[in-house]
Amino acid sequence: MKIMGKGSRRIAIALAAVLVASGSLAGCASSSSGGGTGGGSAADLDAALQKGGEITYWSWTPSAEAQVKAFEAKYPNVKVDYVNAGTNKDEYAKLQNAIKAGSGAPDVVQIEYYAFPQFALSESLLDLAPYGFADLEKDYSTGPWGSVDFDGKLYGLPQDSGPMALFYNKEVFDQYGIDVPTTWDEYVAAAEKLHTADPTKYLTADTGDSGFTTSMIWQAGGTPFITKNGTDVTLDLQDAGSKKFADNWNRLLQKGLLSTTPSWSDEWFKGLGDGSIASLVIGAWMPGVLESSVKDGAGKWRVAPIPTYDDTPANAENGGGGQAVTKQSKNPALAAAFLKWLNNDPESLKIFAESGGFPSTTAQLSDAAFLGQASDYFGGQKINEVLTDGAKNVVNGWSYLPFQVYANSIFGDTVGQAYKTKGDLNEGLASWQKQLVDYGNAQGFSVNK
């Protein structure tokens, strides 16, 4: 993703309003005072570890506490204060309040890929390139790396990735004679077959989710969000990929073939367990969620490649994030050293993978032990082989908006209305675009001009 440039300083003030309006971020472009200046060198990392000190780390990952303990055991003169500041939007709100106040931000913070552009443009994150982090590019898969790299400035290191895959209930598929679909035409046919045979069952559930929609547009080859020089935004949610997704998904929506059970609700988890929701198209981090939250599905579920529009493999990322060093850090070299260990050291990466996270590092994605690990939950299937192949097929060229958090916040009022009425998703995308164009221009961006 390449969105930083000469206009980034000019637009930082506008981003304050963007983040306030998002409902989850406030005052991004206000004071970002602190110790981080973007200077330093790779040698400073070792020196900082030897000297020691204390830093604060905000994260919500299941592996965070164990990783911190392992780091402190290896570097006993460093104290890492781990804080679970809440997941995504909750953490972002606290982070932005600290940025606005000019104090109180952590040294190292977890940020999802879709939110990185807004924090990077607000100049509240440290450029890690001077510490030699740019040399680590070969260690990571393309999609995650592109989500933290902005015009030669590196604002974080990737931690996990979310190449999409088809998760399906083999017991239900076998019961109703449904073959695992490899194309979207076959997927729609399977949805019709299942729901016709048993109207209480649906192939999948979708009530409208911005992350899923953008990932599916990505997989279809769409590039609806293009930003140059930090301020010049081309926004086209009627491009070929957007239309391809909408036309395909309309076949499910308009025929009532999508369960209206809200994702992540108790009813949704129950449906995944009892077979009334028989598949999911979602990111590679989902196995851990199923294992922990859908106990009744043990042994029933399997993983297959995401369906495609033709015989050409094509995939997208769904979810995932990394960590960054804030400019408020009073010990940026030590914070950067911890971040490098966190997302690049084999010991830390092993802890992360064992907690259910799907890695973004090429070494792990090609590791024989990782690939050959059989999952009892998935009937002994070596699911990482499927998920890793998916990571290799992620379509290049995707980027998020520099006000994506705001964009996601209005998705329900635009595209979401098409889901409620079983209408045309193309019209929903057009409504989303209109509001985003108007909003972006009002905030100081140059959108579609």
Protein backbone atom coordinates (compact mmCIF):
# COMPACT_ATOMS: atom_id res chain seq x y z
CA MET A 1 0.00 0.00 0.00
CA LYS A 2 1.51 3.31 -1.04
CA ILE A 3 -0.27 6.35 0.28
CA MET A 4 2.23 8.58 2.06
CA GLY A 5 3.70 11.53 0.26
CA LYS A 6 4.21 15.26 0.15
CA GLY A 7 0.61 15.97 1.04
CA SER A 8 0.64 13.98 4.27
CA ARG A 9 1.40 16.93 6.53
CA ARG A 10 -1.31 19.07 4.95
CA ILE A 11 -3.88 16.36 5.44
CA ALA A 12 -2.98 15.50 9.01
CA ILE A 13 -5.26 18.25 10.30
CA ALA A 14 -8.13 17.00 8.18
CA LEU A 15 -7.67 13.53 9.59
CA ALA A 16 -8.57 14.79 13.04
CA ALA A 17 -12.10 15.37 11.80
CA VAL A 18 -12.09 12.04 9.97
CA LEU A 19 -11.30 10.16 13.14
CA VAL A 20 -13.74 12.08 15.30
CA ALA A 21 -16.53 11.35 12.85
CA SER A 22 -15.67 7.66 12.72
CA GLY A 23 -17.05 7.31 16.22
CA SER A 24 -14.07 5.27 17.34
CA LEU A 25 -11.10 7.56 16.86
CA ALA A 26 -10.79 11.11 18.10
CA GLY A 27 -8.36 13.93 17.48
CA CYS A 28 -5.78 12.04 15.50
CA ALA A 29 -3.79 14.99 14.26
CA SER A 30 -3.43 16.78 17.55
CA SER A 31 -0.18 16.72 19.43
CA SER A 32 1.91 13.62 18.93
CA SER A 33 4.73 14.82 21.12
CA GLY A 34 7.12 12.33 22.63
CA GLY A 35 10.52 10.82 22.23
CA GLY A 36 10.11 9.27 18.77
CA THR A 37 11.72 11.20 15.97
CA GLY A 38 12.29 8.54 13.33
CA GLY A 39 16.09 8.64 13.77
CA GLY A 40 18.35 5.86 14.94
CA SER A 41 20.08 2.92 13.31
CA ALA A 42 20.05 -0.86 13.39
CA ALA A 43 22.95 -0.79 15.87
CA ASP A 44 20.81 1.18 18.29
CA LEU A 45 18.52 -1.82 18.77
CA ASP A 46 21.22 -4.02 20.29
CA ALA A 47 22.48 -1.14 22.40
CA ALA A 48 18.98 -0.48 23.71
CA LEU A 49 18.49 -4.13 24.66
CA GLN A 50 21.79 -4.15 26.52
CA LYS A 51 20.99 -0.97 28.37
CA GLY A 52 17.46 -2.11 29.24
CA GLY A 53 14.54 -0.04 30.46
CA GLU A 54 10.76 -0.10 30.59
CA ILE A 55 8.21 0.11 27.80
CA THR A 56 4.43 -0.30 27.50
CA TYR A 57 2.72 -2.61 25.00
CA TRP A 58 -0.96 -2.50 24.06
CA SER A 59 -2.45 -5.56 22.39
CA TRP A 60 -5.45 -7.88 22.51
CA THR A 61 -3.92 -11.00 20.92
CA PRO A 62 -4.22 -14.27 22.88
CA SER A 63 -0.45 -14.75 22.58
CA ALA A 64 0.60 -11.31 23.86
CA GLU A 65 1.09 -12.18 27.52
CA ALA A 66 3.12 -15.32 26.77
CA GLN A 67 5.27 -13.43 24.27
CA VAL A 68 6.01 -10.69 26.78
CA LYS A 69 7.06 -13.27 29.38
CA ALA A 70 9.36 -14.97 26.89
CA PHE A 71 10.92 -11.65 25.89
CA GLU A 72 11.54 -10.62 29.50
CA ALA A 73 13.12 -14.01 30.20
CA LYS A 74 15.52 -13.47 27.31
CA TYR A 75 16.18 -9.82 28.19
CA PRO A 76 15.77 -9.61 31.99
CA ASN A 77 16.88 -5.98 32.14
CA VAL A 78 13.85 -4.95 30.06
CA LYS A 79 10.40 -4.55 31.62
CA VAL A 80 7.41 -4.69 29.27
CA ASP A 81 4.15 -3.48 30.78
CA TYR A 82 1.49 -5.39 28.85
CA VAL A 83 -1.95 -3.76 28.71
CA ASN A 84 -5.03 -5.24 27.09
CA ALA A 85 -6.63 -1.95 26.12
CA GLY A 86 -9.60 -3.63 24.45
CA THR A 87 -10.04 -4.95 20.95
CA ASN A 88 -9.69 -2.81 17.80
CA LYS A 89 -12.12 0.14 18.10
CA ASP A 90 -11.90 0.28 21.89
CA GLU A 91 -8.13 0.32 21.78
CA TYR A 92 -8.07 2.83 18.92
CA ALA A 93 -10.28 5.23 20.86
CA LYS A 94 -7.92 5.11 23.84
CA LEU A 95 -4.90 5.51 21.58
CA GLN A 96 -6.36 8.50 19.80
CA ASN A 97 -7.30 10.16 23.07
CA ALA A 98 -3.67 9.78 24.16
CA ILE A 99 -2.42 11.18 20.85
CA LYS A 100 -4.76 14.15 21.17
CA ALA A 101 -3.58 14.79 24.73
CA GLY A 102 0.08 14.50 23.74
CA SER A 103 0.79 11.87 26.38
CA GLY A 104 -0.37 8.47 27.55
CA ALA A 105 0.20 6.49 24.37
CA PRO A 106 2.02 3.15 24.67
CA ASP A 107 5.47 2.56 23.24
CA VAL A 108 4.26 -0.33 21.08
CA VAL A 109 0.68 -0.76 19.91
CA GLN A 110 -1.30 -3.28 17.91
CA ILE A 111 -3.10 -1.93 14.82
CA GLU A 112 -5.15 -3.75 12.22
CA TYR A 113 -4.09 -3.35 8.61
CA TYR A 114 -7.17 -1.39 7.56
CA ALA A 115 -6.50 1.22 10.27
CA PHE A 116 -2.78 1.68 9.57
CA PRO A 117 -3.25 4.38 6.88
CA GLN A 118 -5.08 6.77 9.18
CA PHE A 119 -2.53 6.47 11.97
CA ALA A 120 0.37 6.75 9.52
CA LEU A 121 -1.01 9.86 7.86
CA SER A 122 -1.61 11.50 11.22
CA GLU A 123 2.14 11.28 11.86
CA SER A 124 1.61 9.58 15.21
CA LEU A 125 3.68 6.49 14.37
CA LEU A 126 7.44 6.13 14.13
CA ASP A 127 9.11 5.38 10.80
CA LEU A 128 11.05 2.18 11.49
CA ALA A 129 13.06 2.19 8.27
CA PRO A 130 16.09 3.93 9.86
CA TYR A 131 16.39 0.99 12.26
CA GLY A 132 16.93 -1.35 9.33
CA PHE A 133 13.41 -2.77 9.32
CA ALA A 134 13.07 -2.28 5.55
CA ASP A 135 15.62 -5.08 5.11
CA LEU A 136 13.08 -7.48 6.64
CA GLU A 137 10.69 -7.28 3.68
CA LYS A 138 11.77 -10.67 2.35
CA ASP A 139 10.68 -12.25 5.64
CA TYR A 140 6.98 -11.47 5.09
CA SER A 141 4.27 -12.33 2.61
CA THR A 142 3.32 -9.59 0.16
CA GLY A 143 -0.13 -8.61 1.39
CA PRO A 144 0.72 -7.94 5.05
CA TRP A 145 3.98 -6.17 4.20
CA GLY A 146 2.21 -3.82 1.82
CA SER A 147 -0.16 -2.88 4.62
CA VAL A 148 2.58 -1.32 6.77
CA ASP A 149 4.84 0.12 4.05
CA PHE A 150 3.96 3.63 2.86
CA ASP A 151 6.20 5.25 0.21
CA GLY A 152 9.44 4.01 1.71
CA LYS A 153 8.37 4.66 5.29
CA LEU A 154 7.73 1.61 7.41
CA TYR A 155 5.22 2.15 10.18
CA GLY A 156 5.09 -1.33 11.65
CA LEU A 157 5.83 -4.99 11.22
CA PRO A 158 3.16 -7.49 10.21
CA GLN A 159 2.16 -10.06 12.80
CA ASP A 160 -0.59 -12.20 11.33
CA SER A 161 -2.30 -12.56 8.01
CA GLY A 162 -5.74 -13.58 6.87
CA PRO A 163 -5.71 -15.22 3.44
CA MET A 164 -9.28 -16.25 2.81
CA ALA A 165 -10.50 -19.83 2.57
CA LEU A 166 -13.72 -21.80 2.50
CA PHE A 167 -14.51 -23.36 5.88
CA TYR A 168 -17.29 -25.92 5.55
CA ASN A 169 -19.20 -28.44 7.63
CA LYS A 170 -18.34 -31.78 5.99
CA GLU A 171 -21.06 -33.60 7.91
CA VAL A 172 -23.74 -31.34 6.43
CA PHE A 173 -22.20 -31.45 2.96
CA ASP A 174 -22.11 -35.25 3.03
CA GLN A 175 -25.66 -35.52 4.37
CA TYR A 176 -27.09 -33.45 1.51
CA GLY A 177 -24.76 -34.67 -1.23
CA ILE A 178 -23.05 -31.34 -1.72
CA ASP A 179 -19.66 -31.30 -3.44
CA VAL A 180 -17.11 -28.80 -2.20
CA PRO A 181 -17.48 -25.84 -4.59
CA THR A 182 -14.41 -24.61 -6.42
CA THR A 183 -16.12 -21.78 -8.32
CA TRP A 184 -18.67 -19.18 -7.29
CA ASP A 185 -21.19 -20.66 -9.71
CA GLU A 186 -20.86 -23.98 -7.86
CA TYR A 187 -21.11 -22.18 -4.53
CA VAL A 188 -24.41 -20.54 -5.49
CA ALA A 189 -25.72 -23.88 -6.76
CA ALA A 190 -24.74 -25.52 -3.47
CA ALA A 191 -26.54 -22.80 -1.52
CA GLU A 192 -29.71 -23.41 -3.52
CA LYS A 193 -29.48 -27.18 -3.13
CA LEU A 194 -28.99 -27.06 0.64
CA HIS A 195 -31.70 -24.51 1.41
CA THR A 196 -34.18 -26.22 -0.90
CA ALA A 197 -33.58 -29.56 0.79
CA ASP A 198 -33.85 -28.07 4.28
CA PRO A 199 -35.14 -24.49 4.61
CA THR A 200 -33.69 -24.28 8.13
CA LYS A 201 -30.17 -24.57 6.73
CA TYR A 202 -28.10 -22.01 4.85
CA LEU A 203 -24.76 -22.38 3.15
CA THR A 204 -23.58 -19.21 4.85
CA ALA A 205 -24.66 -16.13 6.81
CA ASP A 206 -24.11 -12.52 5.80
CA THR A 207 -26.00 -9.45 6.98
CA GLY A 208 -23.47 -7.00 5.58
CA ASP A 209 -19.90 -6.60 6.77
CA SER A 210 -17.49 -4.00 5.42
CA GLY A 211 -14.40 -6.15 5.96
CA PHE A 212 -15.90 -9.12 4.14
CA THR A 213 -17.15 -6.94 1.29
CA THR A 214 -13.82 -5.21 0.69
CA SER A 215 -12.00 -8.55 0.84
CA MET A 216 -14.38 -10.06 -1.69
CA ILE A 217 -13.95 -7.08 -4.01
CA TRP A 218 -10.19 -7.53 -3.60
CA GLN A 219 -10.49 -11.22 -4.53
CA ALA A 220 -12.53 -10.28 -7.60
CA GLY A 221 -9.69 -8.06 -8.80
CA GLY A 222 -11.20 -4.76 -7.75
CA THR A 223 -9.11 -1.72 -6.85
CA PRO A 224 -11.77 0.75 -5.70
CA PHE A 225 -9.49 2.74 -3.39
CA ILE A 226 -6.35 4.36 -4.83
CA THR A 227 -4.50 7.15 -3.03
CA LYS A 228 -1.56 9.15 -4.36
CA ASN A 229 0.56 11.75 -2.59
CA GLY A 230 -1.42 11.23 0.60
CA THR A 231 -4.34 13.39 -0.56
CA ASP A 232 -5.42 12.47 -4.08
CA VAL A 233 -8.00 9.70 -3.80
CA THR A 234 -9.66 7.81 -6.63
CA LEU A 235 -12.72 6.03 -5.30
CA ASP A 236 -14.61 3.71 -7.66
CA LEU A 237 -16.92 1.14 -6.08
CA GLN A 238 -18.37 0.50 -9.53
CA ASP A 239 -15.11 -0.83 -10.97
CA ALA A 240 -15.05 -4.25 -12.60
CA GLY A 241 -14.09 -6.13 -9.44
CA SER A 242 -16.70 -4.41 -7.29
CA LYS A 243 -19.40 -5.18 -9.83
CA LYS A 244 -18.22 -8.77 -10.22
CA PHE A 245 -18.58 -9.36 -6.49
CA ALA A 246 -21.91 -7.56 -6.21
CA ASP A 247 -23.47 -9.38 -9.17
CA ASN A 248 -22.32 -12.71 -7.79
CA TRP A 249 -23.44 -12.11 -4.21
CA ASN A 250 -26.78 -10.71 -5.39
CA ARG A 251 -27.62 -14.23 -6.52
CA LEU A 252 -27.54 -15.34 -2.89
CA LEU A 253 -28.98 -12.21 -1.31
CA GLN A 254 -31.93 -11.65 -3.60
CA LYS A 255 -33.01 -15.31 -3.50
CA GLY A 256 -32.99 -15.43 0.30
CA LEU A 257 -30.10 -17.88 0.39
CA LEU A 258 -28.15 -16.01 3.08
CA SER A 259 -28.86 -16.58 6.75
CA THR A 260 -29.72 -13.31 8.48
CA THR A 261 -28.09 -14.43 11.73
CA PRO A 262 -25.67 -11.63 12.74
CA SER A 263 -22.03 -12.66 12.66
CA TRP A 264 -20.32 -13.13 16.02
CA SER A 265 -23.64 -13.37 17.86
CA ASP A 266 -24.48 -16.29 20.16
CA GLU A 267 -26.95 -17.48 17.53
CA TRP A 268 -24.23 -17.41 14.88
CA PHE A 269 -21.90 -19.59 16.92
CA LYS A 270 -24.81 -21.94 17.66
CA GLY A 271 -25.60 -22.16 13.94
CA LEU A 272 -22.02 -23.06 13.14
CA GLY A 273 -22.22 -25.82 15.72
CA ASP A 274 -25.59 -27.33 14.81
CA GLY A 275 -25.11 -27.19 11.03
CA SER A 276 -27.74 -24.57 10.23
CA ILE A 277 -24.88 -22.41 8.90
CA ALA A 278 -22.82 -24.82 6.83
CA SER A 279 -19.86 -22.77 5.58
CA LEU A 280 -17.90 -19.57 5.94
CA VAL A 281 -15.66 -17.64 3.56
CA ILE A 282 -13.29 -15.98 5.98
CA GLY A 283 -9.66 -15.39 6.97
CA ALA A 284 -7.09 -18.01 7.94
CA TRP A 285 -7.28 -16.98 11.60
CA MET A 286 -10.71 -18.64 11.89
CA PRO A 287 -9.59 -22.13 13.05
CA GLY A 288 -8.74 -20.90 16.51
CA VAL A 289 -12.13 -19.20 16.80
CA LEU A 290 -13.98 -22.35 15.78
CA GLU A 291 -12.00 -24.50 18.18
CA SER A 292 -12.62 -22.21 21.13
CA SER A 293 -16.19 -21.06 20.42
CA VAL A 294 -17.84 -23.84 18.40
CA LYS A 295 -17.12 -26.95 20.43
CA ASP A 296 -20.00 -28.85 18.80
CA GLY A 297 -18.29 -28.55 15.44
CA ALA A 298 -15.25 -30.61 16.44
CA GLY A 299 -14.45 -33.20 13.80
CA LYS A 300 -17.11 -31.87 11.42
CA TRP A 301 -15.37 -28.92 9.79
CA ARG A 302 -12.85 -28.86 6.94
CA VAL A 303 -11.00 -26.20 4.94
CA ALA A 304 -10.86 -25.75 1.16
CA PRO A 305 -9.55 -23.01 -1.15
CA ILE A 306 -11.80 -20.00 -1.64
CA PRO A 307 -14.01 -20.42 -4.72
CA THR A 308 -12.94 -18.43 -7.77
CA TYR A 309 -14.67 -16.90 -10.77
CA ASP A 310 -12.73 -19.08 -13.20
CA ASP A 311 -9.91 -21.60 -13.09
CA THR A 312 -7.32 -19.00 -12.08
CA PRO A 313 -6.40 -19.05 -8.37
CA ALA A 314 -7.15 -15.70 -6.77
CA ASN A 315 -7.37 -14.74 -3.13
CA ALA A 316 -7.48 -11.78 -0.77
CA GLU A 317 -6.66 -10.99 2.82
CA ASN A 318 -9.40 -10.73 5.42
CA GLY A 319 -8.36 -9.25 8.75
CA GLY A 320 -4.99 -9.31 10.41
CA GLY A 321 -2.67 -6.64 11.67
CA GLY A 322 0.69 -5.79 13.13
CA GLN A 323 2.37 -3.58 15.68
CA ALA A 324 3.83 -0.08 15.54
CA VAL A 325 5.97 2.21 17.69
CA THR A 326 4.28 5.47 18.61
CA LYS A 327 6.05 8.79 18.37
CA GLN A 328 5.30 9.39 22.04
CA SER A 329 7.70 6.61 23.03
CA LYS A 330 10.45 7.97 25.24
CA ASN A 331 12.62 4.98 24.38
CA PRO A 332 11.96 4.37 20.67
CA ALA A 333 15.03 2.19 20.09
CA LEU A 334 14.03 -0.20 22.87
CA ALA A 335 10.44 -0.20 21.65
CA ALA A 336 11.62 -0.97 18.12
CA ALA A 337 13.87 -3.76 19.41
CA PHE A 338 10.93 -5.34 21.23
CA LEU A 339 8.75 -5.01 18.13
CA LYS A 340 11.41 -6.66 15.97
CA TRP A 341 11.65 -9.57 18.42
CA LEU A 342 7.87 -9.80 18.68
CA ASN A 343 7.22 -10.24 14.98
CA ASN A 344 10.52 -11.58 13.65
CA ASP A 345 12.13 -13.77 16.29
CA PRO A 346 11.54 -17.56 15.87
CA GLU A 347 10.71 -18.01 19.56
CA SER A 348 8.03 -15.33 19.50
CA LEU A 349 6.63 -16.51 16.18
CA LYS A 350 6.31 -20.04 17.55
CA ILE A 351 4.33 -18.79 20.55
CA PHE A 352 2.06 -16.81 18.25
CA ALA A 353 1.39 -19.77 15.95
CA GLU A 354 0.69 -22.10 18.86
CA SER A 355 -1.97 -19.67 20.11
CA GLY A 356 -3.92 -20.08 16.87
CA GLY A 357 -2.61 -17.07 14.97
CA PHE A 358 -1.90 -17.47 11.27
CA PRO A 359 1.59 -16.17 10.48
CA SER A 360 2.67 -13.57 7.96
CA THR A 361 6.30 -14.68 7.85
CA THR A 362 7.51 -16.63 4.83
CA ALA A 363 9.68 -18.92 6.97
CA GLN A 364 6.71 -20.12 8.99
CA LEU A 365 4.50 -20.42 5.95
CA SER A 366 7.03 -22.80 4.39
CA ASP A 367 7.95 -24.68 7.57
CA ALA A 368 7.38 -28.43 7.18
CA ALA A 369 6.23 -28.85 10.78
CA PHE A 370 3.70 -26.02 10.42
CA LEU A 371 2.40 -27.31 7.11
CA GLY A 372 2.22 -30.90 8.30
CA GLN A 373 0.36 -30.22 11.52
CA ALA A 374 -2.85 -32.26 11.59
CA SER A 375 -5.88 -30.72 13.28
CA ASP A 376 -8.15 -32.92 15.38
CA TYR A 377 -10.89 -30.32 15.17
CA PHE A 378 -10.77 -30.51 11.39
CA GLY A 379 -10.86 -34.29 11.28
CA GLY A 380 -7.11 -34.70 11.06
CA GLN A 381 -6.82 -32.44 8.01
CA LYS A 382 -3.54 -30.59 7.48
CA ILE A 383 -5.36 -27.30 7.16
CA ASN A 384 -2.22 -25.15 7.04
CA GLU A 385 -1.37 -26.59 3.64
CA VAL A 386 -4.61 -25.16 2.26
CA LEU A 387 -4.33 -21.85 4.08
CA THR A 388 -0.70 -21.36 3.05
CA ASP A 389 -1.51 -21.97 -0.59
CA GLY A 390 -4.15 -19.29 -0.23
CA ALA A 391 -1.55 -16.82 1.00
CA LYS A 392 0.48 -17.40 -2.18
CA ASN A 393 -2.46 -16.44 -4.37
CA VAL A 394 -3.38 -13.06 -2.86
CA VAL A 395 -4.08 -10.58 -5.65
CA ASN A 396 -1.61 -7.68 -5.74
CA GLY A 397 -2.53 -4.01 -5.92
CA TRP A 398 -5.03 -3.62 -3.09
CA SER A 399 -5.07 -0.60 -0.78
CA TYR A 400 -7.46 0.82 1.80
CA LEU A 401 -8.75 4.35 2.04
CA PRO A 402 -6.86 6.84 4.20
CA PHE A 403 -10.17 7.19 6.04
CA GLN A 404 -11.13 3.50 6.04
CA VAL A 405 -12.21 3.47 9.69
CA TYR A 406 -14.82 6.11 8.87
CA ALA A 407 -15.79 4.25 5.72
CA ASN A 408 -16.44 1.09 7.69
CA SER A 409 -18.54 3.01 10.21
CA ILE A 410 -21.12 4.03 7.57
CA PHE A 411 -21.24 0.71 5.73
CA GLY A 412 -24.40 -0.37 7.53
CA ASP A 413 -26.22 2.81 6.52
CA THR A 414 -25.34 2.35 2.85
CA VAL A 415 -24.52 -1.13 1.60
CA GLY A 416 -26.15 -2.59 4.69
CA GLN A 417 -29.53 -1.31 3.53
CA ALA A 418 -29.35 -3.53 0.45
CA TYR A 419 -28.97 -6.52 2.75
CA LYS A 420 -32.02 -5.49 4.76
CA THR A 421 -34.22 -5.14 1.68
CA LYS A 422 -32.63 -7.98 -0.32
CA GLY A 423 -31.95 -5.35 -2.94
CA ASP A 424 -29.09 -4.70 -5.35
CA LEU A 425 -25.64 -4.57 -3.79
CA ASN A 426 -24.47 -2.45 -6.71
CA GLU A 427 -26.85 0.27 -5.56
CA GLY A 428 -25.59 -0.11 -2.01
CA LEU A 429 -22.00 0.28 -3.17
CA ALA A 430 -22.97 3.38 -5.17
CA SER A 431 -24.57 4.90 -2.07
CA TRP A 432 -21.46 4.08 -0.03
CA GLN A 433 -19.27 5.71 -2.66
CA LYS A 434 -21.33 8.90 -2.81
CA GLN A 435 -21.12 9.43 0.93
CA LEU A 436 -17.40 8.65 0.96
CA VAL A 437 -16.64 11.04 -1.90
CA ASP A 438 -18.58 13.85 -0.25
CA TYR A 439 -17.03 13.15 3.11
CA GLY A 440 -13.46 12.86 1.84
CA ASN A 441 -13.66 16.15 -0.05
CA ALA A 442 -15.16 17.87 3.01
CA GLN A 443 -12.21 16.70 5.09
CA GLY A 444 -9.49 18.07 2.81
CA PHE A 445 -8.81 15.15 0.51
CA SER A 446 -9.13 15.48 -3.24
CA VAL A 447 -11.51 12.64 -4.10
CA ASN A 448 -12.37 11.89 -7.72
CA LYS A 449 -11.16 15.31 -8.85
